[in-house]
Amino acid sequence: MRLELKVEKHLRKKVARDFLDLIILSKLGNGELTSGYDFIGFIHGKYGVLISSGTIYSKLYSLEREGFITGCFSERKRVYKITDLGKQFADAAKETVQHIIETILK
């Protein structure tokens, strides 16, 4: 495997795991209700990384406890939506991440 592909795979995995909370908030920021199972598929499709259900649900519960998201039951599954506090946090975090990326690229 070429070095570039190894680096890309490594970084995709690192971003998906280290910024999981921001990925979740960003996805919910689109206004759609999303289940934990849907997040697993979304992350796998977008980043090529398979996150375990335990990791996803643990992060969802944590974000809910912090007031960034709320969960409710829709039919037979629990779905989540972002709160105003979650939107504010996501916006602030995106700015910080942008500054980090700019610093790395310099």
Protein backbone atom coordinates (compact mmCIF):
# COMPACT_ATOMS: atom_id res chain seq x y z
CA MET A 1 0.00 0.00 0.00
CA ARG A 2 1.34 3.41 -0.93
CA LEU A 3 2.30 5.72 1.89
CA GLU A 4 -0.30 8.31 0.86
CA LEU A 5 -3.09 5.75 1.16
CA LYS A 6 -1.86 4.63 4.56
CA VAL A 7 -1.74 8.22 5.78
CA GLU A 8 -5.22 8.93 4.42
CA LYS A 9 -6.67 5.81 6.04
CA HIS A 10 -4.97 6.64 9.35
CA LEU A 11 -6.24 10.23 9.32
CA ARG A 12 -9.79 9.24 8.37
CA LYS A 13 -9.89 6.82 11.29
CA LYS A 14 -8.39 9.37 13.67
CA VAL A 15 -10.81 12.12 12.61
CA ALA A 16 -13.83 9.82 12.89
CA ARG A 17 -12.88 8.66 16.37
CA ASP A 18 -11.43 11.87 17.84
CA PHE A 19 -14.10 14.20 16.47
CA LEU A 20 -17.06 11.86 16.80
CA ASP A 21 -19.02 14.37 18.87
CA LEU A 22 -18.56 17.09 16.25
CA ILE A 23 -19.48 14.72 13.43
CA ILE A 24 -22.69 13.81 15.26
CA LEU A 25 -23.56 17.45 15.97
CA SER A 26 -22.79 18.44 12.39
CA LYS A 27 -25.00 15.67 10.98
CA LEU A 28 -27.83 16.63 13.33
CA GLY A 29 -27.36 20.27 12.37
CA ASN A 30 -28.99 19.45 9.04
CA GLY A 31 -32.30 19.20 10.90
CA GLU A 32 -33.00 15.54 10.39
CA LEU A 33 -33.72 13.08 13.18
CA THR A 34 -31.03 10.40 13.21
CA SER A 35 -30.68 7.12 15.07
CA GLY A 36 -27.51 5.57 16.44
CA TYR A 37 -27.64 2.91 13.73
CA ASP A 38 -27.91 5.65 11.08
CA PHE A 39 -24.79 7.32 12.50
CA ILE A 40 -22.83 4.09 12.18
CA GLY A 41 -23.78 3.83 8.50
CA PHE A 42 -23.12 7.53 7.86
CA ILE A 43 -19.63 7.43 9.39
CA HIS A 44 -18.77 4.21 7.59
CA GLY A 45 -19.93 5.64 4.27
CA LYS A 46 -18.27 9.02 4.68
CA TYR A 47 -15.01 8.05 6.41
CA GLY A 48 -14.66 4.34 5.64
CA VAL A 49 -14.43 3.63 9.37
CA LEU A 50 -16.67 1.22 11.22
CA ILE A 51 -17.51 2.60 14.66
CA SER A 52 -18.96 0.14 17.16
CA SER A 53 -22.49 0.60 18.41
CA GLY A 54 -21.13 0.86 21.96
CA THR A 55 -18.95 3.80 20.96
CA ILE A 56 -21.78 5.58 19.13
CA TYR A 57 -24.38 5.11 21.85
CA SER A 58 -21.94 6.08 24.58
CA LYS A 59 -21.19 9.33 22.74
CA LEU A 60 -24.90 9.97 22.07
CA TYR A 61 -25.74 9.51 25.76
CA SER A 62 -22.87 11.81 26.72
CA LEU A 63 -24.02 14.53 24.31
CA GLU A 64 -27.56 14.17 25.63
CA ARG A 65 -26.41 14.53 29.25
CA GLU A 66 -24.51 17.69 28.30
CA GLY A 67 -27.66 19.15 26.72
CA PHE A 68 -26.27 19.24 23.18
CA ILE A 69 -28.83 16.81 21.77
CA THR A 70 -32.19 15.36 22.76
CA GLY A 71 -33.47 11.90 22.08
CA CYS A 72 -36.99 10.62 21.58
CA PHE A 73 -38.60 7.45 20.33
CA SER A 74 -39.89 7.37 16.77
CA GLU A 75 -41.67 4.16 15.95
CA ARG A 76 -39.35 1.51 17.38
CA LYS A 77 -36.05 3.37 17.50
CA ARG A 78 -34.55 6.25 19.43
CA VAL A 79 -33.69 9.24 17.27
CA TYR A 80 -31.77 12.36 18.16
CA LYS A 81 -31.92 16.05 17.29
CA ILE A 82 -29.59 18.91 18.07
CA THR A 83 -30.49 21.55 20.67
CA ASP A 84 -29.75 25.27 20.51
CA LEU A 85 -26.87 24.71 22.93
CA GLY A 86 -25.57 21.95 20.66
CA LYS A 87 -25.70 24.29 17.65
CA GLN A 88 -23.76 26.94 19.55
CA PHE A 89 -21.17 24.40 20.65
CA ALA A 90 -20.82 22.99 17.12
CA ASP A 91 -20.36 26.46 15.61
CA ALA A 92 -17.68 27.37 18.16
CA ALA A 93 -15.95 24.01 17.68
CA LYS A 94 -15.91 24.39 13.88
CA GLU A 95 -14.10 27.71 14.22
CA THR A 96 -11.56 26.16 16.58
CA VAL A 97 -11.00 23.18 14.27
CA GLN A 98 -10.48 25.58 11.36
CA HIS A 99 -7.78 27.40 13.35
CA ILE A 100 -6.12 24.06 14.17
CA ILE A 101 -6.10 23.04 10.51
CA GLU A 102 -4.63 26.40 9.49
CA THR A 103 -1.91 26.02 12.11
CA ILE A 104 -1.06 22.51 10.90
CA LEU A 105 -0.89 23.63 7.27
CA LYS A 106 1.52 26.46 8.12
